[in-house]
N, C-alpha and C. Protein backbone atom coordinates (compact mmCIF):
# COMPACT_ATOMS: atom_id res chain seq x y z
N UNK A 1 -5.46 -48.93 -39.28
CA UNK A 1 -4.82 -48.56 -38.07
C UNK A 1 -4.01 -47.16 -37.99
N UNK A 2 -3.29 -47.08 -39.36
CA UNK A 2 -2.52 -45.82 -39.14
C UNK A 2 -3.36 -44.69 -39.06
N UNK A 3 -4.35 -44.40 -39.33
CA UNK A 3 -5.32 -43.54 -39.21
C UNK A 3 -5.69 -43.17 -37.84
N UNK A 4 -6.01 -44.37 -36.92
CA UNK A 4 -6.30 -44.41 -35.56
C UNK A 4 -4.97 -43.72 -34.65
N UNK A 5 -3.75 -44.08 -35.04
CA UNK A 5 -2.67 -43.70 -34.50
C UNK A 5 -2.14 -42.23 -34.67
N UNK A 6 -2.61 -41.93 -35.94
CA UNK A 6 -2.47 -40.37 -36.29
C UNK A 6 -3.46 -39.55 -35.51
N UNK A 7 -4.70 -40.06 -35.19
CA UNK A 7 -5.84 -39.46 -34.50
C UNK A 7 -5.38 -39.33 -33.11
N UNK A 8 -4.87 -40.21 -32.64
CA UNK A 8 -4.35 -40.20 -31.19
C UNK A 8 -3.43 -39.53 -30.91
N UNK A 9 -2.45 -39.35 -31.83
CA UNK A 9 -1.35 -38.47 -31.71
C UNK A 9 -1.67 -37.04 -31.89
N UNK A 10 -2.64 -36.79 -32.71
CA UNK A 10 -3.25 -35.31 -32.93
C UNK A 10 -3.80 -34.99 -31.64
N UNK A 11 -4.65 -35.94 -30.94
CA UNK A 11 -5.69 -35.50 -29.74
C UNK A 11 -4.31 -35.16 -28.67
N UNK A 12 -3.25 -36.03 -28.74
CA UNK A 12 -2.42 -35.81 -27.62
C UNK A 12 -1.72 -34.32 -27.57
N UNK A 13 -1.53 -34.10 -28.82
CA UNK A 13 -0.72 -32.82 -29.34
C UNK A 13 -1.46 -31.67 -28.82
N UNK A 14 -2.80 -31.65 -29.23
CA UNK A 14 -3.77 -30.74 -28.91
C UNK A 14 -3.87 -30.54 -27.30
N UNK A 15 -4.04 -31.65 -26.76
CA UNK A 15 -4.18 -31.49 -25.38
C UNK A 15 -2.85 -30.79 -24.54
N UNK A 16 -1.50 -31.32 -25.16
CA UNK A 16 -0.51 -30.67 -24.74
C UNK A 16 -0.53 -29.23 -25.12
N UNK A 17 -0.98 -28.92 -26.03
CA UNK A 17 -0.90 -27.47 -26.63
C UNK A 17 -1.87 -26.91 -25.72
N UNK A 18 -3.05 -27.29 -25.27
CA UNK A 18 -4.07 -26.48 -24.40
C UNK A 18 -3.31 -26.43 -23.23
N UNK A 19 -2.77 -27.50 -22.60
CA UNK A 19 -2.17 -27.19 -21.15
C UNK A 19 -0.95 -26.42 -21.38
N UNK A 20 -0.31 -26.32 -22.37
CA UNK A 20 0.77 -25.39 -22.35
C UNK A 20 0.38 -24.02 -22.75
N UNK A 21 -0.64 -23.69 -23.40
CA UNK A 21 -1.28 -22.54 -23.54
C UNK A 21 -1.80 -21.93 -22.15
N UNK A 22 -2.28 -22.83 -21.31
CA UNK A 22 -2.81 -22.46 -19.92
C UNK A 22 -1.76 -22.13 -19.11
N UNK A 23 -0.48 -22.92 -19.21
CA UNK A 23 0.51 -22.74 -18.24
C UNK A 23 1.20 -21.13 -18.61
N UNK A 24 1.24 -21.06 -19.89
CA UNK A 24 1.83 -19.72 -20.45
C UNK A 24 0.90 -18.48 -19.94
N UNK A 25 -0.50 -18.80 -20.18
CA UNK A 25 -1.34 -17.63 -19.82
C UNK A 25 -0.96 -17.12 -18.29
N UNK A 26 -1.00 -18.36 -17.33
CA UNK A 26 -0.67 -18.20 -15.86
C UNK A 26 0.17 -17.37 -15.64
N UNK A 27 1.44 -17.96 -16.29
CA UNK A 27 2.70 -17.13 -16.11
C UNK A 27 2.74 -15.71 -16.45
N UNK A 28 2.12 -15.45 -17.65
CA UNK A 28 1.74 -14.06 -18.26
C UNK A 28 1.05 -13.16 -17.04
N UNK A 29 0.00 -13.91 -16.52
CA UNK A 29 -0.80 -13.02 -15.49
C UNK A 29 -0.08 -12.94 -14.33
N UNK A 30 0.63 -13.84 -13.73
CA UNK A 30 1.61 -13.53 -12.56
C UNK A 30 2.70 -12.31 -12.99
N UNK A 31 3.06 -12.33 -13.94
CA UNK A 31 4.21 -11.34 -14.24
C UNK A 31 3.33 -10.18 -14.46
N UNK A 32 2.32 -9.95 -15.11
CA UNK A 32 1.57 -8.69 -15.27
C UNK A 32 1.05 -8.37 -13.88
N UNK A 33 0.63 -9.19 -12.88
CA UNK A 33 0.11 -8.69 -11.38
C UNK A 33 1.32 -8.22 -10.66
N UNK A 34 2.51 -8.93 -10.88
CA UNK A 34 3.75 -8.46 -10.09
C UNK A 34 4.16 -6.94 -10.53
N UNK A 35 4.16 -6.78 -12.02
CA UNK A 35 4.43 -5.61 -12.42
C UNK A 35 3.37 -4.48 -12.19
N UNK A 36 2.21 -4.76 -11.94
CA UNK A 36 1.26 -3.88 -11.44
C UNK A 36 1.36 -3.36 -10.21
N UNK A 37 1.76 -4.35 -9.12
CA UNK A 37 1.84 -4.17 -7.96
C UNK A 37 3.21 -3.09 -7.64
N UNK A 38 4.34 -3.55 -8.48
CA UNK A 38 5.52 -2.69 -8.33
C UNK A 38 5.25 -1.21 -8.90
N UNK A 39 4.32 -1.15 -9.97
CA UNK A 39 3.87 0.15 -10.50
C UNK A 39 3.11 1.05 -9.20
N UNK A 40 2.21 0.06 -8.66
CA UNK A 40 1.37 0.70 -7.51
C UNK A 40 2.33 1.24 -6.28
N UNK A 41 3.20 0.34 -5.90
CA UNK A 41 4.17 0.86 -4.91
C UNK A 41 4.81 2.13 -5.27
N UNK A 42 5.50 2.14 -6.44
CA UNK A 42 6.32 3.44 -7.04
C UNK A 42 5.31 4.39 -6.94
N UNK A 43 4.03 4.19 -7.33
CA UNK A 43 3.29 5.61 -7.45
C UNK A 43 2.89 5.98 -6.04
N UNK A 44 2.75 4.99 -5.14
CA UNK A 44 2.46 5.67 -3.74
C UNK A 44 3.43 6.32 -3.16
N UNK A 45 4.53 5.80 -3.53
CA UNK A 45 6.00 6.27 -2.93
C UNK A 45 6.11 7.77 -3.41
N UNK A 46 5.80 7.90 -4.95
CA UNK A 46 5.89 9.29 -5.58
C UNK A 46 4.89 10.15 -4.95
N UNK A 47 3.60 10.01 -4.81
CA UNK A 47 2.45 10.58 -4.50
C UNK A 47 2.67 11.07 -3.10
N UNK A 48 3.35 10.20 -2.11
CA UNK A 48 3.61 11.05 -0.85
C UNK A 48 4.65 12.07 -0.86
N UNK A 49 5.65 11.69 -1.65
CA UNK A 49 6.76 12.50 -1.90
C UNK A 49 6.19 13.90 -2.48
N UNK A 50 5.35 13.66 -3.44
CA UNK A 50 4.82 14.84 -4.39
C UNK A 50 3.76 15.74 -3.42
N UNK A 51 3.13 15.05 -2.34
CA UNK A 51 2.29 15.84 -1.49
C UNK A 51 3.00 16.42 -0.52
N UNK A 52 4.32 16.12 -0.16
CA UNK A 52 5.24 16.88 0.83
C UNK A 52 5.77 17.92 0.12
N UNK A 53 6.30 17.60 -1.16
CA UNK A 53 6.71 18.80 -1.88
C UNK A 53 5.62 19.96 -2.09
N UNK A 54 4.56 19.73 -2.49
CA UNK A 54 3.53 20.37 -2.81
C UNK A 54 3.06 21.35 -1.58
N UNK A 55 3.07 20.76 -0.34
CA UNK A 55 2.92 21.43 1.01
C UNK A 55 3.91 22.48 1.20
N UNK A 56 5.33 22.12 1.16
CA UNK A 56 6.38 22.92 1.24
C UNK A 56 6.19 24.08 0.21
N UNK A 57 5.84 23.76 -1.05
CA UNK A 57 5.62 24.81 -1.96
C UNK A 57 4.54 25.87 -1.62
N UNK A 58 3.27 25.35 -1.16
CA UNK A 58 2.06 26.20 -0.76
C UNK A 58 2.62 26.81 0.31
N UNK A 59 3.25 26.45 1.46
CA UNK A 59 3.86 26.86 2.82
C UNK A 59 4.55 28.26 2.33
N UNK A 60 5.47 28.06 1.35
CA UNK A 60 6.16 29.13 1.00
C UNK A 60 5.61 30.25 0.13
N UNK A 61 4.60 30.01 -0.48
CA UNK A 61 3.70 30.73 -1.25
C UNK A 61 2.97 31.49 -0.32
N UNK A 62 2.23 30.93 0.67
CA UNK A 62 1.26 31.74 1.55
C UNK A 62 2.21 32.63 2.49
N UNK A 63 3.45 32.13 3.06
CA UNK A 63 4.11 32.85 4.07
C UNK A 63 4.26 34.49 3.75
N UNK A 64 3.87 35.26 4.63
CA UNK A 64 4.26 36.70 4.03
C UNK A 64 3.33 37.17 3.06
N UNK A 65 2.15 36.50 2.72
CA UNK A 65 1.28 37.00 1.89
C UNK A 65 1.68 37.42 0.50
N UNK A 66 2.85 36.63 0.05
CA UNK A 66 3.34 37.24 -1.39
C UNK A 66 2.39 37.23 -2.63
N UNK A 67 1.56 36.36 -2.54
CA UNK A 67 0.72 36.51 -3.47
C UNK A 67 -0.47 37.46 -3.43
N UNK A 68 -0.68 37.95 -2.21
CA UNK A 68 -1.62 39.09 -1.91
C UNK A 68 -2.94 38.66 -1.77
N UNK A 69 -3.28 37.28 -1.87
CA UNK A 69 -4.53 36.76 -1.88
C UNK A 69 -5.19 36.70 -0.38
N UNK A 70 -4.37 36.46 0.76
CA UNK A 70 -4.81 36.17 2.04
C UNK A 70 -4.29 36.85 2.83
N UNK A 71 -4.79 37.79 3.49
CA UNK A 71 -4.24 38.87 4.52
C UNK A 71 -3.67 38.12 5.86
N UNK A 72 -4.46 37.28 6.15
CA UNK A 72 -4.23 36.25 7.51
C UNK A 72 -2.81 36.02 7.65
N UNK A 73 -2.07 35.72 6.32
CA UNK A 73 -0.60 35.33 6.46
C UNK A 73 0.38 36.52 6.17
N UNK A 74 -0.12 37.61 6.51
CA UNK A 74 1.02 38.75 6.31
C UNK A 74 2.20 38.70 7.10
N UNK A 75 2.04 38.37 8.32
CA UNK A 75 3.12 38.38 9.52
C UNK A 75 3.39 36.90 9.70
N UNK A 76 3.17 35.97 8.78
CA UNK A 76 3.77 34.65 9.08
C UNK A 76 4.98 34.23 8.53
N UNK A 77 5.96 33.80 9.19
CA UNK A 77 7.21 33.52 8.64
C UNK A 77 7.57 31.95 8.70
N UNK A 78 8.49 31.44 8.21
CA UNK A 78 8.93 30.22 7.96
C UNK A 78 10.33 30.13 8.58
N UNK A 79 10.46 28.94 9.42
CA UNK A 79 11.74 29.11 10.21
C UNK A 79 12.94 28.78 9.09
N UNK A 80 14.13 29.22 9.49
CA UNK A 80 15.44 28.87 8.68
C UNK A 80 15.54 27.72 8.18
N UNK A 81 15.24 26.61 8.97
CA UNK A 81 15.61 25.45 8.58
C UNK A 81 14.89 24.88 7.48
N UNK A 82 13.67 25.48 7.23
CA UNK A 82 12.91 25.02 5.99
C UNK A 82 12.88 26.03 4.88
N UNK A 83 13.80 27.07 5.16
CA UNK A 83 13.79 27.88 3.85
C UNK A 83 15.29 28.07 3.27
N UNK A 84 16.21 27.53 3.51
CA UNK A 84 17.48 27.42 3.00
C UNK A 84 17.37 26.54 1.77
N UNK A 85 18.58 26.39 1.37
CA UNK A 85 19.03 25.44 0.21
C UNK A 85 18.39 23.87 0.34
N UNK A 86 18.61 23.56 1.48
CA UNK A 86 18.17 22.13 1.75
C UNK A 86 16.82 22.40 2.63
N UNK A 87 15.96 23.31 2.41
CA UNK A 87 14.84 23.45 3.06
C UNK A 87 13.82 22.42 2.97
N UNK A 88 13.65 22.03 1.69
CA UNK A 88 12.73 21.03 1.33
C UNK A 88 13.00 19.74 2.02
N UNK A 89 14.09 19.35 1.90
CA UNK A 89 14.80 18.16 2.58
C UNK A 89 14.58 18.17 4.15
N UNK A 90 14.92 19.16 4.61
CA UNK A 90 14.73 19.38 6.08
C UNK A 90 13.27 19.39 6.61
N UNK A 91 12.52 19.85 5.75
CA UNK A 91 11.08 19.96 5.85
C UNK A 91 10.48 18.29 6.21
N UNK A 92 10.95 17.57 4.99
CA UNK A 92 10.53 16.22 4.96
C UNK A 92 10.99 15.45 6.21
N UNK A 93 12.52 15.74 6.42
CA UNK A 93 12.72 15.15 7.48
C UNK A 93 12.18 15.56 9.01
N UNK A 94 11.72 16.50 9.13
CA UNK A 94 11.10 17.14 10.40
C UNK A 94 9.69 16.72 10.43
N UNK A 95 8.95 16.91 9.38
CA UNK A 95 7.30 16.68 9.30
C UNK A 95 7.03 15.24 8.71
N UNK A 96 8.04 14.54 8.13
CA UNK A 96 7.66 13.20 7.77
C UNK A 96 6.74 13.51 6.25
N UNK A 97 6.41 12.07 5.77
CA UNK A 97 5.75 12.11 4.60
C UNK A 97 4.18 12.42 5.08
N UNK A 98 3.46 13.05 4.41
CA UNK A 98 1.95 13.38 4.80
C UNK A 98 1.10 12.14 4.67
N UNK A 99 0.39 11.81 5.70
CA UNK A 99 -0.60 10.78 5.46
C UNK A 99 -1.72 10.87 4.65
N UNK A 100 -2.22 10.09 4.07
CA UNK A 100 -3.13 10.20 2.97
C UNK A 100 -4.40 10.95 3.75
N UNK A 101 -4.85 12.07 2.87
CA UNK A 101 -6.02 12.91 3.31
C UNK A 101 -5.80 13.69 4.23
N UNK A 102 -4.46 14.32 4.40
CA UNK A 102 -4.10 15.25 5.26
C UNK A 102 -3.21 16.34 4.65
N UNK A 103 -3.19 17.63 5.36
CA UNK A 103 -2.54 18.89 4.53
C UNK A 103 -1.74 19.35 5.79
N UNK A 104 -0.81 20.27 5.42
CA UNK A 104 -0.06 20.91 6.63
C UNK A 104 -0.94 21.91 7.23
N UNK A 105 -0.73 21.93 8.61
CA UNK A 105 -1.74 22.64 9.49
C UNK A 105 -0.88 23.23 10.61
N UNK A 106 -1.19 24.59 10.89
CA UNK A 106 -0.45 25.32 12.00
C UNK A 106 -1.36 25.16 13.19
N UNK A 107 -1.12 24.74 14.42
CA UNK A 107 -1.86 24.83 15.72
C UNK A 107 -2.52 26.17 15.95
N UNK A 108 -3.64 25.90 16.18
CA UNK A 108 -4.82 27.11 16.40
C UNK A 108 -4.51 28.07 15.06
N UNK A 109 -4.12 27.55 14.14
CA UNK A 109 -4.03 28.43 12.81
C UNK A 109 -3.33 29.64 12.88
N UNK A 110 -2.33 29.65 13.95
CA UNK A 110 -1.81 30.87 14.24
C UNK A 110 -0.12 30.78 14.42
N UNK A 111 0.76 31.77 14.39
CA UNK A 111 2.15 31.68 14.60
C UNK A 111 2.84 31.24 13.11
N UNK A 112 3.99 31.05 13.49
CA UNK A 112 4.95 30.72 12.12
C UNK A 112 4.84 29.30 11.83
N UNK A 113 5.37 29.10 10.60
CA UNK A 113 5.76 27.71 10.27
C UNK A 113 7.03 27.26 10.88
N UNK A 114 6.94 26.32 11.66
CA UNK A 114 8.14 25.79 12.30
C UNK A 114 7.85 24.33 12.92
N UNK A 115 8.69 23.53 13.25
CA UNK A 115 8.31 22.27 13.51
C UNK A 115 7.57 22.17 14.73
N UNK A 116 7.60 22.91 15.82
CA UNK A 116 6.86 22.84 17.06
C UNK A 116 5.56 23.34 16.88
N UNK A 117 5.06 23.89 15.55
CA UNK A 117 3.69 24.80 15.65
C UNK A 117 3.19 24.16 14.23
N UNK A 118 3.53 22.99 13.82
CA UNK A 118 2.97 22.38 12.51
C UNK A 118 2.66 20.87 12.61
N UNK A 119 1.70 20.52 11.87
CA UNK A 119 1.40 19.22 11.89
C UNK A 119 0.64 18.75 10.74
N UNK A 120 0.42 17.40 10.35
CA UNK A 120 -0.43 17.08 9.33
C UNK A 120 -1.91 16.69 9.88
N UNK A 121 -2.68 17.56 9.43
CA UNK A 121 -4.34 17.60 9.80
C UNK A 121 -5.17 17.18 8.69
N UNK A 122 -6.33 16.60 9.06
CA UNK A 122 -7.32 16.38 8.04
C UNK A 122 -8.05 17.72 7.92
N UNK A 123 -8.96 17.68 7.00
CA UNK A 123 -9.80 18.86 6.82
C UNK A 123 -10.51 19.31 8.14
N UNK A 124 -11.22 18.20 8.55
CA UNK A 124 -12.19 18.20 9.70
C UNK A 124 -11.06 18.86 10.96
N UNK A 125 -9.82 18.25 11.19
CA UNK A 125 -9.11 18.83 12.15
C UNK A 125 -8.65 20.17 12.00
N UNK A 126 -8.61 20.54 10.95
CA UNK A 126 -8.16 22.11 10.49
C UNK A 126 -9.32 23.02 10.78
N UNK A 127 -10.52 22.47 10.45
CA UNK A 127 -11.69 23.59 10.85
C UNK A 127 -11.87 23.37 12.20
N UNK A 128 -11.54 22.45 13.09
CA UNK A 128 -11.94 22.66 14.59
C UNK A 128 -10.76 23.45 14.84
N UNK A 129 -9.48 23.50 14.62
CA UNK A 129 -8.52 24.61 14.90
C UNK A 129 -8.91 25.89 14.65
N UNK A 130 -9.43 26.23 13.39
CA UNK A 130 -9.90 27.52 13.02
C UNK A 130 -11.10 27.93 13.94
N UNK A 131 -11.98 27.08 14.19
CA UNK A 131 -13.23 27.33 15.27
C UNK A 131 -12.44 27.87 16.64
N UNK A 132 -11.34 27.06 17.08
CA UNK A 132 -10.76 27.50 18.19
C UNK A 132 -10.37 28.92 18.26
N UNK A 133 -9.61 29.16 17.27
CA UNK A 133 -8.96 30.60 17.13
C UNK A 133 -10.09 31.39 16.82
N UNK A 134 -11.18 31.40 16.32
CA UNK A 134 -12.09 32.39 16.07
C UNK A 134 -12.85 32.51 17.39
N UNK A 135 -13.21 31.51 18.15
CA UNK A 135 -13.44 31.40 19.39
C UNK A 135 -12.99 32.46 20.36
N UNK A 136 -11.56 32.31 20.30
CA UNK A 136 -10.68 32.83 21.36
C UNK A 136 -10.57 34.30 21.14
N UNK A 137 -10.83 34.84 19.85
CA UNK A 137 -10.72 36.07 19.47
C UNK A 137 -11.82 36.90 19.54
N UNK A 138 -12.97 36.35 19.65
CA UNK A 138 -14.38 37.12 19.79
C UNK A 138 -14.41 37.77 21.15
N UNK A 139 -15.08 39.03 20.82
CA UNK A 139 -15.55 39.60 22.29
C UNK A 139 -16.32 39.14 22.96
N UNK A 140 -16.46 39.15 24.15
CA UNK A 140 -17.61 38.76 25.04
C UNK A 140 -18.86 39.61 24.84
N UNK A 141 -20.10 38.97 24.78
CA UNK A 141 -21.20 39.99 24.55
C UNK A 141 -21.69 40.22 26.05
N UNK A 142 -22.51 41.36 25.76
CA UNK A 142 -22.97 41.71 27.41
C UNK A 142 -24.41 41.32 27.44
């Protein structure tokens, strides 16, 4: 009889341990999932802010053709609000965070960088804007 009691006790203990291990595994999985969601949300916020900062830096690099690469930007200027010490903050306030898959574009691809002349466009929208500009500047054929 003592062996039978001992075997039953061991069986109950092993069932308890298995149930306890499953509960611990579920808890760890839920903590891990919550942690991954938190990281994903932080990364999404960082990526949006980083895209806005990158657009602001590229806009300043292109304006006035400072790098000498693209002559179409020779006479393009940036408004004072976006150029000063708080220019980056003002740029983000005015333009907002860029939606995914977009970049900064000027309407008709002409004019200065200012709030009334800029928007977040996809590459396709920018291509259409460039086509509008090139079509309007072509001379009529005879």
